[in-house]
Amino acid sequence: MVHVVSIADMKVSGNSGDVLITHALGSCLGIAVYDPIARVGGLLHVMLPLSTVDPERAKENPYMFVDTGVPRLFLECYKAGAKKQRIIVKVAGGATSYGTEEDDVFQIGKRNMIMLRKLLWKNGILIEACDVGGTESRTMSLEIGTGVVTVRSNGLVKTL
């Protein structure tokens, strides 16, 4: 079954027939985590790096921010049977919002990726593969049965 992960949302599954998919990854990040032994995975679509810009909104929806959404993604995967030492992380998105990097004053995509790398590094977790940056929007999917992560952008399909 296909489960759509909306913007500022997360889904976790241990059902081998499930596919988790998220669309419209511009400056946002799609973060896929997968345990190949437990066959448990999750997909998170975050918008902003830090919840400190709007603590009230972070309480309402922690999946909006890297610093609050990522810990919840891992926690839910662990609850479903994943183990930290087996987790594989793949990331897509983080594009510039306004044509070129020079025009992108706020650099949300770049800041999202920096925050994610810092958070994962502090917890001893590395990103195995990513498709980030540029100017194109992406669609990302995670097949729970196989762990295959696919990124689609501008008619091209890439397996991470």
N, C-alpha and C. Protein backbone atom coordinates (compact mmCIF):
# COMPACT_ATOMS: atom_id res chain seq x y z
N MET A 1 0.84 -1.18 0.00
CA MET A 1 0.00 0.00 0.00
C MET A 1 0.89 1.25 0.00
N VAL A 2 0.50 2.25 -0.74
CA VAL A 2 1.24 3.50 -0.81
C VAL A 2 0.72 4.45 0.27
N HIS A 3 1.64 5.01 1.05
CA HIS A 3 1.30 5.98 2.08
C HIS A 3 1.99 7.29 1.74
N VAL A 4 1.21 8.35 1.59
CA VAL A 4 1.76 9.66 1.26
C VAL A 4 2.14 10.39 2.54
N VAL A 5 3.38 10.86 2.58
CA VAL A 5 3.87 11.67 3.70
C VAL A 5 3.76 13.12 3.26
N SER A 6 2.88 13.85 3.90
CA SER A 6 2.65 15.26 3.56
C SER A 6 3.80 16.12 4.05
N ILE A 7 3.77 17.39 3.69
CA ILE A 7 4.76 18.34 4.18
C ILE A 7 4.59 18.45 5.69
N ALA A 8 5.70 18.44 6.42
CA ALA A 8 5.71 18.50 7.88
C ALA A 8 4.96 17.31 8.47
N ASP A 9 5.29 16.11 7.96
CA ASP A 9 4.62 14.89 8.39
C ASP A 9 5.64 13.75 8.39
N MET A 10 5.23 12.62 8.96
CA MET A 10 6.09 11.45 9.05
C MET A 10 5.23 10.19 9.03
N LYS A 11 5.77 9.14 8.45
CA LYS A 11 5.13 7.82 8.49
C LYS A 11 6.22 6.79 8.75
N VAL A 12 5.87 5.75 9.51
CA VAL A 12 6.76 4.63 9.81
C VAL A 12 5.98 3.35 9.51
N SER A 13 6.67 2.34 8.96
CA SER A 13 6.00 1.09 8.64
C SER A 13 6.95 -0.10 8.80
N GLY A 14 6.35 -1.23 9.14
CA GLY A 14 7.06 -2.49 9.16
C GLY A 14 6.39 -3.49 8.24
N ASN A 15 5.49 -3.01 7.39
CA ASN A 15 4.75 -3.85 6.46
C ASN A 15 5.52 -3.90 5.13
N SER A 16 5.99 -5.08 4.75
CA SER A 16 6.86 -5.20 3.57
C SER A 16 6.19 -4.79 2.26
N GLY A 17 4.88 -4.70 2.23
CA GLY A 17 4.19 -4.27 1.02
C GLY A 17 4.00 -2.77 0.91
N ASP A 18 4.41 -2.03 1.94
CA ASP A 18 4.19 -0.59 1.95
C ASP A 18 5.27 0.18 1.19
N VAL A 19 4.84 1.29 0.62
CA VAL A 19 5.74 2.27 0.02
C VAL A 19 5.39 3.61 0.64
N LEU A 20 6.39 4.29 1.19
CA LEU A 20 6.20 5.62 1.75
C LEU A 20 6.71 6.61 0.71
N ILE A 21 5.93 7.66 0.43
CA ILE A 21 6.32 8.61 -0.61
C ILE A 21 6.00 10.04 -0.17
N THR A 22 6.89 10.95 -0.52
CA THR A 22 6.65 12.36 -0.25
C THR A 22 6.99 13.18 -1.49
N HIS A 23 6.21 14.22 -1.70
CA HIS A 23 6.34 15.07 -2.88
C HIS A 23 6.79 16.47 -2.48
N ALA A 24 7.12 17.27 -3.46
CA ALA A 24 7.39 18.71 -3.28
C ALA A 24 8.56 18.98 -2.35
N LEU A 25 9.64 18.22 -2.50
CA LEU A 25 10.85 18.47 -1.73
C LEU A 25 11.67 19.53 -2.45
N GLY A 26 11.41 20.78 -2.11
CA GLY A 26 12.21 21.89 -2.62
C GLY A 26 13.32 22.13 -1.61
N SER A 27 13.17 23.19 -0.82
CA SER A 27 14.15 23.44 0.25
C SER A 27 13.94 22.50 1.43
N CYS A 28 12.76 21.87 1.48
CA CYS A 28 12.48 20.87 2.51
C CYS A 28 13.39 19.66 2.32
N LEU A 29 13.49 18.85 3.37
CA LEU A 29 14.24 17.60 3.29
C LEU A 29 13.31 16.42 3.46
N GLY A 30 13.54 15.39 2.66
CA GLY A 30 12.94 14.09 2.88
C GLY A 30 14.00 13.21 3.50
N ILE A 31 13.70 12.65 4.66
CA ILE A 31 14.68 11.84 5.39
C ILE A 31 14.11 10.43 5.53
N ALA A 32 14.78 9.48 4.87
CA ALA A 32 14.35 8.08 4.93
C ALA A 32 15.31 7.31 5.82
N VAL A 33 14.76 6.56 6.77
CA VAL A 33 15.57 5.69 7.61
C VAL A 33 15.05 4.26 7.45
N TYR A 34 15.98 3.29 7.48
CA TYR A 34 15.58 1.91 7.22
C TYR A 34 16.50 0.95 7.95
N ASP A 35 15.89 -0.06 8.56
CA ASP A 35 16.63 -1.17 9.17
C ASP A 35 16.41 -2.39 8.29
N PRO A 36 17.45 -2.85 7.57
CA PRO A 36 17.29 -3.96 6.63
C PRO A 36 17.02 -5.31 7.28
N ILE A 37 17.36 -5.49 8.53
CA ILE A 37 17.09 -6.76 9.22
C ILE A 37 15.65 -6.81 9.71
N ALA A 38 15.22 -5.76 10.40
CA ALA A 38 13.85 -5.69 10.91
C ALA A 38 12.86 -5.35 9.80
N ARG A 39 13.36 -4.82 8.68
CA ARG A 39 12.51 -4.33 7.58
C ARG A 39 11.49 -3.33 8.09
N VAL A 40 12.02 -2.37 8.82
CA VAL A 40 11.24 -1.26 9.35
C VAL A 40 11.83 0.02 8.78
N GLY A 41 10.97 0.91 8.34
CA GLY A 41 11.47 2.17 7.80
C GLY A 41 10.52 3.31 8.07
N GLY A 42 11.04 4.50 7.90
CA GLY A 42 10.23 5.69 8.08
C GLY A 42 10.67 6.78 7.13
N LEU A 43 9.74 7.69 6.86
CA LEU A 43 10.02 8.82 5.99
C LEU A 43 9.46 10.07 6.64
N LEU A 44 10.30 11.09 6.71
CA LEU A 44 9.97 12.37 7.33
C LEU A 44 10.15 13.47 6.30
N HIS A 45 9.21 14.43 6.26
CA HIS A 45 9.30 15.59 5.37
C HIS A 45 9.35 16.83 6.26
N VAL A 46 10.55 17.40 6.43
CA VAL A 46 10.73 18.58 7.29
C VAL A 46 10.89 19.84 6.45
N MET A 47 10.48 20.97 7.05
CA MET A 47 10.51 22.25 6.35
C MET A 47 11.66 23.16 6.78
N LEU A 48 11.93 23.19 8.08
CA LEU A 48 12.85 24.18 8.64
C LEU A 48 13.86 23.53 9.58
N PRO A 49 15.03 24.14 9.76
CA PRO A 49 16.06 23.51 10.59
C PRO A 49 15.78 23.53 12.09
N LEU A 50 15.37 24.66 12.63
CA LEU A 50 15.30 24.80 14.09
C LEU A 50 13.93 25.18 14.61
N SER A 51 13.48 24.46 15.61
CA SER A 51 12.18 24.73 16.23
C SER A 51 12.18 25.99 17.08
N THR A 52 13.35 26.50 17.40
CA THR A 52 13.43 27.69 18.25
C THR A 52 12.83 28.92 17.58
N VAL A 53 12.65 28.89 16.25
CA VAL A 53 12.03 30.02 15.57
C VAL A 53 10.54 30.13 15.88
N ASP A 54 9.92 29.01 16.27
CA ASP A 54 8.49 29.01 16.59
C ASP A 54 8.18 27.83 17.52
N PRO A 55 8.52 27.97 18.82
CA PRO A 55 8.32 26.86 19.76
C PRO A 55 6.87 26.37 19.86
N GLU A 56 5.91 27.28 19.74
CA GLU A 56 4.50 26.88 19.80
C GLU A 56 4.14 25.97 18.63
N ARG A 57 4.58 26.36 17.45
CA ARG A 57 4.30 25.54 16.27
C ARG A 57 5.00 24.19 16.38
N ALA A 58 6.19 24.19 16.96
CA ALA A 58 6.93 22.94 17.15
C ALA A 58 6.19 21.99 18.08
N LYS A 59 5.51 22.55 19.09
CA LYS A 59 4.71 21.71 19.98
C LYS A 59 3.53 21.11 19.23
N GLU A 60 2.89 21.92 18.38
CA GLU A 60 1.74 21.45 17.60
C GLU A 60 2.16 20.41 16.56
N ASN A 61 3.30 20.66 15.90
CA ASN A 61 3.76 19.76 14.84
C ASN A 61 5.28 19.68 14.83
N PRO A 62 5.84 18.75 15.58
CA PRO A 62 7.30 18.62 15.64
C PRO A 62 7.93 18.19 14.31
N TYR A 63 7.12 17.64 13.40
CA TYR A 63 7.65 17.16 12.12
C TYR A 63 7.99 18.29 11.16
N MET A 64 7.68 19.51 11.54
CA MET A 64 8.00 20.67 10.71
C MET A 64 9.49 20.99 10.73
N PHE A 65 10.17 20.61 11.81
CA PHE A 65 11.55 21.04 12.04
C PHE A 65 12.51 19.85 12.12
N VAL A 66 13.73 20.06 11.63
CA VAL A 66 14.75 19.01 11.68
C VAL A 66 15.04 18.61 13.12
N ASP A 67 15.26 19.59 13.99
CA ASP A 67 15.70 19.28 15.36
C ASP A 67 14.66 18.59 16.22
N THR A 68 13.39 18.68 15.86
CA THR A 68 12.34 17.98 16.63
C THR A 68 11.77 16.78 15.87
N GLY A 69 11.75 16.84 14.55
CA GLY A 69 11.19 15.75 13.75
C GLY A 69 12.08 14.53 13.66
N VAL A 70 13.37 14.75 13.47
CA VAL A 70 14.30 13.62 13.30
C VAL A 70 14.34 12.72 14.53
N PRO A 71 14.45 13.26 15.75
CA PRO A 71 14.42 12.37 16.92
C PRO A 71 13.14 11.54 17.01
N ARG A 72 12.01 12.13 16.64
CA ARG A 72 10.75 11.38 16.67
C ARG A 72 10.72 10.29 15.61
N LEU A 73 11.29 10.58 14.44
CA LEU A 73 11.37 9.57 13.38
C LEU A 73 12.14 8.35 13.88
N PHE A 74 13.30 8.59 14.46
CA PHE A 74 14.11 7.48 14.96
C PHE A 74 13.40 6.74 16.09
N LEU A 75 12.80 7.47 17.01
CA LEU A 75 12.09 6.85 18.13
C LEU A 75 10.97 5.93 17.64
N GLU A 76 10.19 6.40 16.67
CA GLU A 76 9.10 5.57 16.15
C GLU A 76 9.62 4.34 15.41
N CYS A 77 10.74 4.48 14.72
CA CYS A 77 11.34 3.32 14.05
C CYS A 77 11.85 2.31 15.08
N TYR A 78 12.46 2.82 16.15
CA TYR A 78 12.92 1.92 17.22
C TYR A 78 11.75 1.20 17.86
N LYS A 79 10.65 1.90 18.09
CA LYS A 79 9.45 1.28 18.67
C LYS A 79 8.92 0.16 17.78
N ALA A 80 9.11 0.32 16.46
CA ALA A 80 8.63 -0.68 15.50
C ALA A 80 9.62 -1.83 15.30
N GLY A 81 10.78 -1.77 15.98
CA GLY A 81 11.72 -2.88 15.92
C GLY A 81 13.08 -2.59 15.31
N ALA A 82 13.29 -1.38 14.80
CA ALA A 82 14.59 -1.02 14.22
C ALA A 82 15.64 -0.88 15.33
N LYS A 83 16.89 -1.11 14.96
CA LYS A 83 18.03 -0.95 15.88
C LYS A 83 18.96 0.12 15.33
N LYS A 84 19.45 0.98 16.22
CA LYS A 84 20.30 2.10 15.81
C LYS A 84 21.50 1.65 14.99
N GLN A 85 22.16 0.58 15.41
CA GLN A 85 23.38 0.15 14.74
C GLN A 85 23.14 -0.36 13.32
N ARG A 86 21.88 -0.62 12.96
CA ARG A 86 21.57 -1.13 11.62
C ARG A 86 20.91 -0.08 10.73
N ILE A 87 20.59 1.06 11.28
CA ILE A 87 19.83 2.08 10.54
C ILE A 87 20.64 2.64 9.37
N ILE A 88 19.97 2.73 8.24
CA ILE A 88 20.52 3.36 7.03
C ILE A 88 19.72 4.65 6.81
N VAL A 89 20.43 5.75 6.57
CA VAL A 89 19.78 7.04 6.38
C VAL A 89 20.07 7.54 4.97
N LYS A 90 19.01 7.97 4.29
CA LYS A 90 19.14 8.56 2.95
C LYS A 90 18.29 9.84 2.92
N VAL A 91 18.78 10.84 2.20
CA VAL A 91 18.18 12.17 2.25
C VAL A 91 18.02 12.74 0.84
N ALA A 92 16.92 13.48 0.63
CA ALA A 92 16.71 14.20 -0.63
C ALA A 92 16.09 15.55 -0.33
N GLY A 93 16.31 16.49 -1.25
CA GLY A 93 15.74 17.84 -1.11
C GLY A 93 16.81 18.87 -0.90
N GLY A 94 16.51 19.84 -0.05
CA GLY A 94 17.49 20.87 0.29
C GLY A 94 17.88 21.77 -0.86
N ALA A 95 16.95 21.98 -1.79
CA ALA A 95 17.24 22.81 -2.95
C ALA A 95 17.21 24.29 -2.58
N THR A 96 17.77 25.11 -3.46
CA THR A 96 17.65 26.56 -3.27
C THR A 96 16.25 26.97 -3.69
N SER A 97 15.73 27.98 -3.02
CA SER A 97 14.35 28.40 -3.25
C SER A 97 14.20 29.41 -4.38
N TYR A 98 15.26 30.13 -4.70
CA TYR A 98 15.12 31.26 -5.63
C TYR A 98 16.13 31.21 -6.76
N GLY A 99 16.10 30.18 -7.56
CA GLY A 99 16.94 30.11 -8.75
C GLY A 99 18.38 29.73 -8.50
N THR A 100 19.17 30.66 -7.99
CA THR A 100 20.58 30.37 -7.73
C THR A 100 20.87 30.51 -6.25
N GLU A 101 21.98 29.93 -5.83
CA GLU A 101 22.36 30.00 -4.41
C GLU A 101 22.58 31.45 -3.97
N GLU A 102 23.11 32.27 -4.88
CA GLU A 102 23.35 33.68 -4.55
C GLU A 102 22.05 34.43 -4.30
N ASP A 103 20.98 34.04 -5.01
CA ASP A 103 19.68 34.70 -4.86
C ASP A 103 18.90 34.20 -3.65
N ASP A 104 19.28 33.05 -3.13
CA ASP A 104 18.55 32.42 -2.03
C ASP A 104 19.05 32.98 -0.69
N VAL A 105 18.50 34.11 -0.30
CA VAL A 105 18.96 34.85 0.88
C VAL A 105 18.90 34.01 2.15
N PHE A 106 17.82 33.29 2.36
CA PHE A 106 17.64 32.55 3.61
C PHE A 106 18.34 31.19 3.60
N GLN A 107 18.61 30.64 2.43
CA GLN A 107 19.30 29.35 2.28
C GLN A 107 18.73 28.26 3.19
N ILE A 108 17.41 28.13 3.17
CA ILE A 108 16.73 27.15 4.03
C ILE A 108 17.19 25.73 3.71
N GLY A 109 17.27 25.38 2.44
CA GLY A 109 17.69 24.03 2.07
C GLY A 109 19.06 23.68 2.61
N LYS A 110 19.99 24.59 2.44
CA LYS A 110 21.36 24.38 2.93
C LYS A 110 21.38 24.29 4.45
N ARG A 111 20.64 25.17 5.12
CA ARG A 111 20.59 25.17 6.58
C ARG A 111 19.92 23.90 7.12
N ASN A 112 18.89 23.41 6.42
CA ASN A 112 18.26 22.15 6.81
C ASN A 112 19.28 21.01 6.79
N MET A 113 20.07 20.96 5.73
CA MET A 113 21.06 19.88 5.59
C MET A 113 22.15 19.99 6.65
N ILE A 114 22.60 21.21 6.93
CA ILE A 114 23.62 21.41 7.97
C ILE A 114 23.10 20.94 9.33
N MET A 115 21.86 21.32 9.65
CA MET A 115 21.26 20.93 10.93
C MET A 115 21.13 19.41 11.02
N LEU A 116 20.69 18.79 9.93
CA LEU A 116 20.54 17.33 9.92
C LEU A 116 21.88 16.63 10.13
N ARG A 117 22.90 17.04 9.40
CA ARG A 117 24.23 16.42 9.55
C ARG A 117 24.75 16.57 10.98
N LYS A 118 24.57 17.75 11.54
CA LYS A 118 25.04 18.00 12.91
C LYS A 118 24.30 17.11 13.91
N LEU A 119 22.98 17.02 13.77
CA LEU A 119 22.16 16.21 14.68
C LEU A 119 22.53 14.73 14.58
N LEU A 120 22.67 14.23 13.37
CA LEU A 120 23.02 12.82 13.18
C LEU A 120 24.44 12.54 13.69
N TRP A 121 25.38 13.44 13.37
CA TRP A 121 26.77 13.26 13.80
C TRP A 121 26.87 13.18 15.32
N LYS A 122 26.13 14.05 16.02
CA LYS A 122 26.15 14.04 17.49
C LYS A 122 25.65 12.72 18.05
N ASN A 123 24.86 12.01 17.26
CA ASN A 123 24.30 10.73 17.69
C ASN A 123 24.98 9.53 17.04
N GLY A 124 26.12 9.76 16.40
CA GLY A 124 26.89 8.67 15.83
C GLY A 124 26.25 8.01 14.63
N ILE A 125 25.48 8.77 13.85
CA ILE A 125 24.79 8.23 12.68
C ILE A 125 25.24 9.00 11.45
N LEU A 126 25.55 8.27 10.38
CA LEU A 126 25.99 8.90 9.14
C LEU A 126 24.93 8.74 8.06
N ILE A 127 24.94 9.64 7.10
CA ILE A 127 24.05 9.57 5.95
C ILE A 127 24.73 8.68 4.91
N GLU A 128 24.02 7.64 4.47
CA GLU A 128 24.59 6.71 3.49
C GLU A 128 24.55 7.28 2.07
N ALA A 129 23.47 7.98 1.73
CA ALA A 129 23.33 8.53 0.38
C ALA A 129 22.40 9.73 0.42
N CYS A 130 22.65 10.66 -0.50
CA CYS A 130 21.76 11.81 -0.56
C CYS A 130 21.70 12.38 -1.97
N ASP A 131 20.62 13.07 -2.24
CA ASP A 131 20.43 13.82 -3.48
C ASP A 131 19.90 15.17 -3.04
N VAL A 132 20.80 16.11 -2.79
CA VAL A 132 20.41 17.40 -2.22
C VAL A 132 21.01 18.56 -3.02
N GLY A 133 20.44 19.75 -2.78
CA GLY A 133 20.92 20.96 -3.42
C GLY A 133 20.27 21.17 -4.78
N GLY A 134 20.89 22.01 -5.58
CA GLY A 134 20.33 22.32 -6.89
C GLY A 134 19.11 23.21 -6.77
N THR A 135 18.31 23.22 -7.82
CA THR A 135 17.13 24.09 -7.85
C THR A 135 15.83 23.33 -8.10
N GLU A 136 15.92 22.02 -8.34
CA GLU A 136 14.74 21.25 -8.70
C GLU A 136 14.03 20.66 -7.49
N SER A 137 12.72 20.60 -7.59
CA SER A 137 11.90 19.92 -6.59
C SER A 137 12.02 18.41 -6.82
N ARG A 138 11.87 17.65 -5.77
CA ARG A 138 12.02 16.20 -5.86
C ARG A 138 10.84 15.47 -5.22
N THR A 139 10.66 14.22 -5.64
CA THR A 139 9.75 13.28 -5.01
C THR A 139 10.61 12.11 -4.53
N MET A 140 10.38 11.68 -3.30
CA MET A 140 11.20 10.62 -2.70
C MET A 140 10.29 9.49 -2.21
N SER A 141 10.71 8.25 -2.44
CA SER A 141 9.93 7.11 -1.95
C SER A 141 10.85 6.08 -1.30
N LEU A 142 10.28 5.35 -0.35
CA LEU A 142 10.97 4.27 0.36
C LEU A 142 10.10 3.03 0.30
N GLU A 143 10.66 1.95 -0.28
CA GLU A 143 9.97 0.66 -0.31
C GLU A 143 10.34 -0.11 0.95
N ILE A 144 9.37 -0.40 1.78
CA ILE A 144 9.64 -1.04 3.07
C ILE A 144 10.17 -2.47 2.91
N GLY A 145 9.69 -3.21 1.94
CA GLY A 145 10.13 -4.59 1.76
C GLY A 145 11.58 -4.75 1.34
N THR A 146 12.11 -3.74 0.64
CA THR A 146 13.46 -3.84 0.09
C THR A 146 14.42 -2.77 0.62
N GLY A 147 13.88 -1.68 1.12
CA GLY A 147 14.71 -0.56 1.56
C GLY A 147 15.15 0.34 0.42
N VAL A 148 14.67 0.08 -0.78
CA VAL A 148 15.05 0.89 -1.94
C VAL A 148 14.46 2.29 -1.81
N VAL A 149 15.33 3.29 -1.95
CA VAL A 149 14.91 4.69 -1.92
C VAL A 149 15.08 5.24 -3.33
N THR A 150 14.01 5.81 -3.85
CA THR A 150 14.01 6.37 -5.20
C THR A 150 13.71 7.86 -5.13
N VAL A 151 14.44 8.63 -5.94
CA VAL A 151 14.21 10.07 -6.02
C VAL A 151 13.89 10.41 -7.47
N ARG A 152 12.79 11.14 -7.66
CA ARG A 152 12.38 11.57 -9.00
C ARG A 152 12.46 13.09 -9.07
N SER A 153 13.02 13.58 -10.18
CA SER A 153 13.14 15.02 -10.38
C SER A 153 13.30 15.32 -11.86
N ASN A 154 12.49 16.22 -12.37
CA ASN A 154 12.58 16.62 -13.79
C ASN A 154 12.57 15.44 -14.74
N GLY A 155 11.74 14.45 -14.47
CA GLY A 155 11.63 13.29 -15.34
C GLY A 155 12.72 12.25 -15.17
N LEU A 156 13.69 12.51 -14.31
CA LEU A 156 14.76 11.55 -14.06
C LEU A 156 14.47 10.76 -12.79
N VAL A 157 14.87 9.51 -12.78
CA VAL A 157 14.69 8.64 -11.61
C VAL A 157 16.06 8.17 -11.15
N LYS A 158 16.31 8.33 -9.86
CA LYS A 158 17.60 7.95 -9.28
C LYS A 158 17.35 7.06 -8.07
N THR A 159 18.10 5.96 -7.96
CA THR A 159 18.03 5.11 -6.78
C THR A 159 19.20 5.48 -5.88
N LEU A 160 18.87 5.80 -4.62
CA LEU A 160 19.93 6.16 -3.67
C LEU A 160 20.43 4.91 -2.96
